[in-house]
């Protein structure tokens, strides 16, 4: 058996929007009966952004609380990993925006984007950095804001998605056997077109005026192509 990648989770924290949205409210927007929505999803309530809340402010709030709970100062964080599936914007990288919001200067800051797997990839990456001696205290932030882009004509996703942020501070293992023991990721790309956000990159830019030429079936209602 291989030796684990030494890692110690020093602290965790979360930040949630103030607005609580019961499934009955979300179901009404989607034209689905509340009892059917609960049966399909198992979700009874979720949080949605309101007021001045953003994925950036929630991520920074969770990060501050996690750093404090770890008994550290922000100056002791040498790497910030943004592990968010719903990115703030294409550039500058979301990690740089989080660092600015926190007042964190001089640390390595970048994103590991693997959609729903982003946090697990970042945790494994942090273990590799610490094991290689390239980092000692790593701050991982996952901050999601899906509600602004919900399509209520697609209840399969609209009834599931909520907003919130979590942060974790990790450091070197404190005892033998503590850390990441195994990591395996497998990708089956034939399903890649089943979930797509086409805008915001080089495929469909803000100045694109031609159809997106999607490979999705004719039932797609995401654009007018």
C-alpha atoms as a PDB file:
ATOM      1  CA  UNK A   1       0.000   0.000   0.000  1.00  0.00           C
ATOM      2  CA  UNK A   2       1.327   3.434  -0.943  1.00  0.00           C
ATOM      3  CA  UNK A   3       2.000   5.983   1.767  1.00  0.00           C
ATOM      4  CA  UNK A   4      -0.757   8.623   2.046  1.00  0.00           C
ATOM      5  CA  UNK A   5      -0.156  12.200   1.007  1.00  0.00           C
ATOM      6  CA  UNK A   6       0.247  13.835   4.402  1.00  0.00           C
ATOM      7  CA  UNK A   7      -2.508  16.345   5.098  1.00  0.00           C
ATOM      8  CA  UNK A   8      -4.307  17.773   8.118  1.00  0.00           C
ATOM      9  CA  UNK A   9      -7.620  19.636   7.886  1.00  0.00           C
ATOM     10  CA  UNK A  10      -7.106  22.431  10.389  1.00  0.00           C
ATOM     11  CA  UNK A  11     -10.523  24.051  10.081  1.00  0.00           C
ATOM     12  CA  UNK A  12     -13.701  24.405   8.054  1.00  0.00           C
ATOM     13  CA  UNK A  13     -16.293  27.162   7.713  1.00  0.00           C
ATOM     14  CA  UNK A  14     -19.370  28.018   5.696  1.00  0.00           C
ATOM     15  CA  UNK A  15     -21.317  31.096   4.635  1.00  0.00           C
ATOM     16  CA  UNK A  16     -24.934  30.947   3.517  1.00  0.00           C
ATOM     17  CA  UNK A  17     -27.228  33.569   2.004  1.00  0.00           C
ATOM     18  CA  UNK A  18     -29.870  34.979   4.310  1.00  0.00           C
ATOM     19  CA  UNK A  19     -32.769  34.096   2.005  1.00  0.00           C
ATOM     20  CA  UNK A  20     -34.281  30.660   2.613  1.00  0.00           C
ATOM     21  CA  UNK A  21     -36.338  29.364  -0.331  1.00  0.00           C
ATOM     22  CA  UNK A  22     -38.742  26.498   0.448  1.00  0.00           C
ATOM     23  CA  UNK A  23     -39.258  23.930  -2.274  1.00  0.00           C
ATOM     24  CA  UNK A  24     -42.872  25.044  -2.621  1.00  0.00           C
ATOM     25  CA  UNK A  25     -41.677  28.489  -3.749  1.00  0.00           C
ATOM     26  CA  UNK A  26     -39.157  27.089  -6.224  1.00  0.00           C
ATOM     27  CA  UNK A  27     -41.661  24.549  -7.516  1.00  0.00           C
ATOM     28  CA  UNK A  28     -44.235  27.269  -8.213  1.00  0.00           C
ATOM     29  CA  UNK A  29     -41.701  29.074 -10.425  1.00  0.00           C
ATOM     30  CA  UNK A  30     -41.079  25.851 -12.333  1.00  0.00           C
ATOM     31  CA  UNK A  31     -44.765  24.923 -12.659  1.00  0.00           C
ATOM     32  CA  UNK A  32     -44.292  21.719 -10.657  1.00  0.00           C
ATOM     33  CA  UNK A  33     -46.388  20.528  -7.719  1.00  0.00           C
ATOM     34  CA  UNK A  34     -44.444  20.930  -4.439  1.00  0.00           C
ATOM     35  CA  UNK A  35     -44.923  17.303  -3.393  1.00  0.00           C
ATOM     36  CA  UNK A  36     -43.636  16.129  -6.776  1.00  0.00           C
ATOM     37  CA  UNK A  37     -40.617  18.428  -6.523  1.00  0.00           C
ATOM     38  CA  UNK A  38     -39.686  17.103  -3.077  1.00  0.00           C
ATOM     39  CA  UNK A  39     -40.132  13.492  -4.204  1.00  0.00           C
ATOM     40  CA  UNK A  40     -37.898  14.007  -7.249  1.00  0.00           C
ATOM     41  CA  UNK A  41     -35.119  15.920  -5.506  1.00  0.00           C
ATOM     42  CA  UNK A  42     -35.273  15.170  -1.789  1.00  0.00           C
ATOM     43  CA  UNK A  43     -34.688  18.908  -1.248  1.00  0.00           C
ATOM     44  CA  UNK A  44     -36.975  20.762   1.154  1.00  0.00           C
ATOM     45  CA  UNK A  45     -35.268  24.168   1.063  1.00  0.00           C
ATOM     46  CA  UNK A  46     -32.250  25.941  -0.384  1.00  0.00           C
ATOM     47  CA  UNK A  47     -30.554  29.348  -0.054  1.00  0.00           C
ATOM     48  CA  UNK A  48     -30.576  31.960  -2.819  1.00  0.00           C
ATOM     49  CA  UNK A  49     -28.611  35.193  -2.990  1.00  0.00           C
ATOM     50  CA  UNK A  50     -30.378  38.409  -2.066  1.00  0.00           C
ATOM     51  CA  UNK A  51     -29.470  42.030  -1.478  1.00  0.00           C
ATOM     52  CA  UNK A  52     -25.753  42.721  -1.794  1.00  0.00           C
ATOM     53  CA  UNK A  53     -24.718  39.070  -1.420  1.00  0.00           C
ATOM     54  CA  UNK A  54     -22.506  37.556  -4.112  1.00  0.00           C
ATOM     55  CA  UNK A  55     -20.411  34.440  -4.512  1.00  0.00           C
ATOM     56  CA  UNK A  56     -17.409  36.666  -3.837  1.00  0.00           C
ATOM     57  CA  UNK A  57     -18.662  38.046  -0.509  1.00  0.00           C
ATOM     58  CA  UNK A  58     -19.819  34.624   0.681  1.00  0.00           C
ATOM     59  CA  UNK A  59     -16.511  33.013  -0.273  1.00  0.00           C
ATOM     60  CA  UNK A  60     -14.530  35.676   1.545  1.00  0.00           C
ATOM     61  CA  UNK A  61     -16.726  35.380   4.647  1.00  0.00           C
ATOM     62  CA  UNK A  62     -16.245  31.603   4.820  1.00  0.00           C
ATOM     63  CA  UNK A  63     -12.496  32.036   4.236  1.00  0.00           C
ATOM     64  CA  UNK A  64     -12.049  34.546   7.061  1.00  0.00           C
ATOM     65  CA  UNK A  65     -13.888  32.294   9.486  1.00  0.00           C
ATOM     66  CA  UNK A  66     -11.875  29.229   8.431  1.00  0.00           C
ATOM     67  CA  UNK A  67      -8.538  31.026   8.821  1.00  0.00           C
ATOM     68  CA  UNK A  68      -9.530  32.313  12.260  1.00  0.00           C
ATOM     69  CA  UNK A  69     -10.731  28.860  13.326  1.00  0.00           C
ATOM     70  CA  UNK A  70      -7.368  27.424  12.264  1.00  0.00           C
ATOM     71  CA  UNK A  71      -5.622  29.830  14.629  1.00  0.00           C
ATOM     72  CA  UNK A  72      -3.814  31.517  11.762  1.00  0.00           C
ATOM     73  CA  UNK A  73      -3.473  34.965  10.277  1.00  0.00           C
ATOM     74  CA  UNK A  74      -4.132  35.562   6.588  1.00  0.00           C
ATOM     75  CA  UNK A  75      -0.430  36.385   6.200  1.00  0.00           C
ATOM     76  CA  UNK A  76       0.336  32.732   7.019  1.00  0.00           C
ATOM     77  CA  UNK A  77      -1.675  31.453   4.042  1.00  0.00           C
ATOM     78  CA  UNK A  78       0.800  30.782   1.240  1.00  0.00           C
ATOM     79  CA  UNK A  79      -1.645  29.278  -1.305  1.00  0.00           C
ATOM     80  CA  UNK A  80      -5.281  30.064  -2.077  1.00  0.00           C
ATOM     81  CA  UNK A  81      -7.137  27.580  -4.272  1.00  0.00           C
ATOM     82  CA  UNK A  82     -10.477  28.606  -5.756  1.00  0.00           C
ATOM     83  CA  UNK A  83     -12.447  25.377  -6.203  1.00  0.00           C
ATOM     84  CA  UNK A  84     -15.788  26.695  -7.437  1.00  0.00           C
ATOM     85  CA  UNK A  85     -17.948  25.158 -10.138  1.00  0.00           C
ATOM     86  CA  UNK A  86     -19.781  28.416 -10.927  1.00  0.00           C
ATOM     87  CA  UNK A  87     -16.984  30.822 -11.752  1.00  0.00           C
ATOM     88  CA  UNK A  88     -17.294  34.537 -11.055  1.00  0.00           C
ATOM     89  CA  UNK A  89     -16.059  35.482 -14.546  1.00  0.00           C
ATOM     90  CA  UNK A  90     -13.544  34.256 -17.161  1.00  0.00           C
ATOM     91  CA  UNK A  91     -10.732  36.675 -16.215  1.00  0.00           C
ATOM     92  CA  UNK A  92      -9.203  37.782 -13.957  1.00  0.00           C
ATOM     93  CA  UNK A  93      -9.186  34.423 -12.232  1.00  0.00           C
ATOM     94  CA  UNK A  94     -11.653  34.072  -9.380  1.00  0.00           C
ATOM     95  CA  UNK A  95      -8.849  33.271  -6.942  1.00  0.00           C
ATOM     96  CA  UNK A  96      -7.330  36.701  -7.535  1.00  0.00           C
ATOM     97  CA  UNK A  97     -10.689  38.347  -6.829  1.00  0.00           C
ATOM     98  CA  UNK A  98     -11.067  36.366  -3.608  1.00  0.00           C
ATOM     99  CA  UNK A  99      -7.533  37.307  -2.564  1.00  0.00           C
ATOM    100  CA  UNK A 100      -8.308  40.986  -3.165  1.00  0.00           C
ATOM    101  CA  UNK A 101     -11.547  40.721  -1.190  1.00  0.00           C
ATOM    102  CA  UNK A 102      -9.615  39.153   1.685  1.00  0.00           C
ATOM    103  CA  UNK A 103      -6.658  41.526   1.492  1.00  0.00           C
ATOM    104  CA  UNK A 104      -4.338  38.565   0.894  1.00  0.00           C
ATOM    105  CA  UNK A 105      -1.155  39.680  -0.896  1.00  0.00           C
ATOM    106  CA  UNK A 106       1.819  37.684  -2.098  1.00  0.00           C
ATOM    107  CA  UNK A 107       0.290  34.213  -1.881  1.00  0.00           C
ATOM    108  CA  UNK A 108      -0.056  31.870  -4.840  1.00  0.00           C
ATOM    109  CA  UNK A 109      -3.696  32.150  -5.954  1.00  0.00           C
ATOM    110  CA  UNK A 110      -5.339  30.179  -8.741  1.00  0.00           C
ATOM    111  CA  UNK A 111      -8.369  28.037  -9.579  1.00  0.00           C
ATOM    112  CA  UNK A 112      -8.843  24.312  -9.998  1.00  0.00           C
ATOM    113  CA  UNK A 113     -11.994  23.920 -12.035  1.00  0.00           C
ATOM    114  CA  UNK A 114     -13.533  20.473 -12.282  1.00  0.00           C
ATOM    115  CA  UNK A 115     -17.202  21.511 -11.962  1.00  0.00           C
ATOM    116  CA  UNK A 116     -18.719  19.343  -9.198  1.00  0.00           C
ATOM    117  CA  UNK A 117     -15.353  17.705  -8.453  1.00  0.00           C
ATOM    118  CA  UNK A 118     -13.506  20.984  -7.933  1.00  0.00           C
ATOM    119  CA  UNK A 119     -13.119  20.697  -4.163  1.00  0.00           C
ATOM    120  CA  UNK A 120     -11.879  17.095  -4.240  1.00  0.00           C
ATOM    121  CA  UNK A 121      -9.338  18.001  -6.930  1.00  0.00           C
ATOM    122  CA  UNK A 122      -8.201  21.007  -4.887  1.00  0.00           C
ATOM    123  CA  UNK A 123      -7.824  18.926  -1.723  1.00  0.00           C
ATOM    124  CA  UNK A 124      -5.654  16.389  -3.539  1.00  0.00           C
ATOM    125  CA  UNK A 125      -3.676  19.215  -5.160  1.00  0.00           C
ATOM    126  CA  UNK A 126      -3.098  20.826  -1.768  1.00  0.00           C
ATOM    127  CA  UNK A 127      -1.743  17.528  -0.442  1.00  0.00           C
ATOM    128  CA  UNK A 128       0.673  17.352  -3.377  1.00  0.00           C
ATOM    129  CA  UNK A 129       1.853  20.937  -2.767  1.00  0.00           C
ATOM    130  CA  UNK A 130       2.387  20.323   0.937  1.00  0.00           C
ATOM    131  CA  UNK A 131       4.106  17.000   0.314  1.00  0.00           C
ATOM    132  CA  UNK A 132       6.478  18.634  -2.177  1.00  0.00           C
ATOM    133  CA  UNK A 133       7.319  21.398   0.293  1.00  0.00           C
ATOM    134  CA  UNK A 134       5.814  24.061  -2.000  1.00  0.00           C
ATOM    135  CA  UNK A 135       3.154  25.116   0.511  1.00  0.00           C
ATOM    136  CA  UNK A 136       2.436  24.812   4.213  1.00  0.00           C
ATOM    137  CA  UNK A 137      -0.953  26.436   4.820  1.00  0.00           C
ATOM    138  CA  UNK A 138      -3.434  26.130   1.946  1.00  0.00           C
ATOM    139  CA  UNK A 139      -6.826  27.854   1.910  1.00  0.00           C
ATOM    140  CA  UNK A 140      -9.433  26.181  -0.309  1.00  0.00           C
ATOM    141  CA  UNK A 141     -12.614  28.111  -1.138  1.00  0.00           C
ATOM    142  CA  UNK A 142     -15.696  26.750  -2.887  1.00  0.00           C
ATOM    143  CA  UNK A 143     -18.271  29.473  -3.499  1.00  0.00           C
ATOM    144  CA  UNK A 144     -21.305  28.756  -5.649  1.00  0.00           C
ATOM    145  CA  UNK A 145     -24.016  31.067  -6.949  1.00  0.00           C
ATOM    146  CA  UNK A 146     -26.303  29.248  -9.335  1.00  0.00           C
ATOM    147  CA  UNK A 147     -29.574  31.040  -8.606  1.00  0.00           C
ATOM    148  CA  UNK A 148     -28.917  34.103 -10.837  1.00  0.00           C
ATOM    149  CA  UNK A 149     -28.804  31.852 -13.899  1.00  0.00           C
ATOM    150  CA  UNK A 150     -31.589  29.387 -13.129  1.00  0.00           C
ATOM    151  CA  UNK A 151     -33.786  28.366 -16.040  1.00  0.00           C
ATOM    152  CA  UNK A 152     -37.192  27.570 -14.525  1.00  0.00           C
ATOM    153  CA  UNK A 153     -38.141  25.825 -17.782  1.00  0.00           C
ATOM    154  CA  UNK A 154     -35.649  23.151 -16.753  1.00  0.00           C
ATOM    155  CA  UNK A 155     -36.972  22.031 -13.341  1.00  0.00           C
ATOM    156  CA  UNK A 156     -34.527  19.108 -13.233  1.00  0.00           C
ATOM    157  CA  UNK A 157     -31.764  21.587 -12.418  1.00  0.00           C
ATOM    158  CA  UNK A 158     -33.697  24.610 -11.181  1.00  0.00           C
ATOM    159  CA  UNK A 159     -35.150  22.656  -8.256  1.00  0.00           C
ATOM    160  CA  UNK A 160     -31.736  21.448  -7.132  1.00  0.00           C
ATOM    161  CA  UNK A 161     -29.457  24.449  -7.315  1.00  0.00           C
ATOM    162  CA  UNK A 162     -28.788  26.743  -4.379  1.00  0.00           C
ATOM    163  CA  UNK A 163     -26.093  29.186  -3.299  1.00  0.00           C
ATOM    164  CA  UNK A 164     -23.471  29.081  -0.592  1.00  0.00           C
ATOM    165  CA  UNK A 165     -19.773  28.958   0.202  1.00  0.00           C
ATOM    166  CA  UNK A 166     -17.395  26.798   2.197  1.00  0.00           C
ATOM    167  CA  UNK A 167     -13.723  27.161   3.068  1.00  0.00           C
ATOM    168  CA  UNK A 168     -11.101  24.782   4.417  1.00  0.00           C
ATOM    169  CA  UNK A 169      -7.599  25.397   5.744  1.00  0.00           C
ATOM    170  CA  UNK A 170      -5.213  22.469   5.397  1.00  0.00           C
ATOM    171  CA  UNK A 171      -1.638  21.938   6.482  1.00  0.00           C
ATOM    172  CA  UNK A 172       0.955  19.198   6.998  1.00  0.00           C
ATOM    173  CA  UNK A 173      -0.132  15.945   8.654  1.00  0.00           C
ATOM    174  CA  UNK A 174       0.191  15.899  12.437  1.00  0.00           C
ATOM    175  CA  UNK A 175       0.284  12.129  12.867  1.00  0.00           C
ATOM    176  CA  UNK A 176       1.315   9.088  10.881  1.00  0.00           C
ATOM    177  CA  UNK A 177      -1.209   7.891   8.314  1.00  0.00           C
ATOM    178  CA  UNK A 178      -3.115  11.194   8.233  1.00  0.00           C
ATOM    179  CA  UNK A 179      -3.834  12.496   4.758  1.00  0.00           C
ATOM    180  CA  UNK A 180      -5.100  11.540   1.310  1.00  0.00           C
ATOM    181  CA  UNK A 181      -4.862   7.764   0.879  1.00  0.00           C
ATOM    182  CA  UNK A 182      -6.225   7.459  -2.663  1.00  0.00           C
ATOM    183  CA  UNK A 183      -7.569   9.568  -5.496  1.00  0.00           C
ATOM    184  CA  UNK A 184      -9.008   8.421  -8.806  1.00  0.00           C
ATOM    185  CA  UNK A 185     -10.814  10.526 -11.396  1.00  0.00           C
ATOM    186  CA  UNK A 186     -12.395   9.077 -14.551  1.00  0.00           C
ATOM    187  CA  UNK A 187     -13.986  11.112 -17.347  1.00  0.00           C
ATOM    188  CA  UNK A 188     -16.508   9.824 -19.890  1.00  0.00           C
ATOM    189  CA  UNK A 189     -16.631  12.670 -22.433  1.00  0.00           C
ATOM    190  CA  UNK A 190     -19.535  11.358 -24.513  1.00  0.00           C
ATOM    191  CA  UNK A 191     -21.871  13.053 -22.019  1.00  0.00           C
ATOM    192  CA  UNK A 192     -20.123  16.421 -22.134  1.00  0.00           C
ATOM    193  CA  UNK A 193     -22.929  18.208 -24.008  1.00  0.00           C
ATOM    194  CA  UNK A 194     -25.624  17.308 -21.484  1.00  0.00           C
ATOM    195  CA  UNK A 195     -24.634  20.211 -19.213  1.00  0.00           C
ATOM    196  CA  UNK A 196     -23.221  23.290 -20.872  1.00  0.00           C
ATOM    197  CA  UNK A 197     -22.769  26.977 -20.182  1.00  0.00           C
ATOM    198  CA  UNK A 198     -21.674  28.251 -23.578  1.00  0.00           C
ATOM    199  CA  UNK A 199     -21.197  31.932 -22.868  1.00  0.00           C
ATOM    200  CA  UNK A 200     -18.213  33.688 -21.366  1.00  0.00           C
ATOM    201  CA  UNK A 201     -15.371  31.978 -23.194  1.00  0.00           C
ATOM    202  CA  UNK A 202     -13.795  31.876 -26.635  1.00  0.00           C
ATOM    203  CA  UNK A 203     -16.548  29.660 -28.101  1.00  0.00           C
ATOM    204  CA  UNK A 204     -19.388  32.129 -27.544  1.00  0.00           C
ATOM    205  CA  UNK A 205     -17.979  35.538 -26.700  1.00  0.00           C
ATOM    206  CA  UNK A 206     -19.808  38.703 -25.586  1.00  0.00           C
ATOM    207  CA  UNK A 207     -19.594  40.027 -29.178  1.00  0.00           C
ATOM    208  CA  UNK A 208     -20.693  36.816 -30.912  1.00  0.00           C
ATOM    209  CA  UNK A 209     -23.620  37.473 -33.235  1.00  0.00           C
ATOM    210  CA  UNK A 210     -23.881  34.084 -34.947  1.00  0.00           C
ATOM    211  CA  UNK A 211     -25.686  30.976 -33.636  1.00  0.00           C
ATOM    212  CA  UNK A 212     -23.738  28.814 -31.213  1.00  0.00           C
ATOM    213  CA  UNK A 213     -24.038  25.720 -33.461  1.00  0.00           C
ATOM    214  CA  UNK A 214     -24.823  23.571 -30.468  1.00  0.00           C
ATOM    215  CA  UNK A 215     -24.623  19.795 -30.740  1.00  0.00           C
ATOM    216  CA  UNK A 216     -27.548  19.446 -28.360  1.00  0.00           C
ATOM    217  CA  UNK A 217     -30.860  18.037 -29.668  1.00  0.00           C
ATOM    218  CA  UNK A 218     -33.586  20.276 -30.999  1.00  0.00           C
ATOM    219  CA  UNK A 219     -35.272  20.359 -27.578  1.00  0.00           C
ATOM    220  CA  UNK A 220     -32.564  22.737 -26.295  1.00  0.00           C
ATOM    221  CA  UNK A 221     -34.103  26.056 -25.182  1.00  0.00           C
ATOM    222  CA  UNK A 222     -30.899  27.713 -23.991  1.00  0.00           C
ATOM    223  CA  UNK A 223     -30.493  29.917 -27.070  1.00  0.00           C
ATOM    224  CA  UNK A 224     -32.187  30.835 -30.355  1.00  0.00           C
ATOM    225  CA  UNK A 225     -30.012  28.840 -32.744  1.00  0.00           C
END
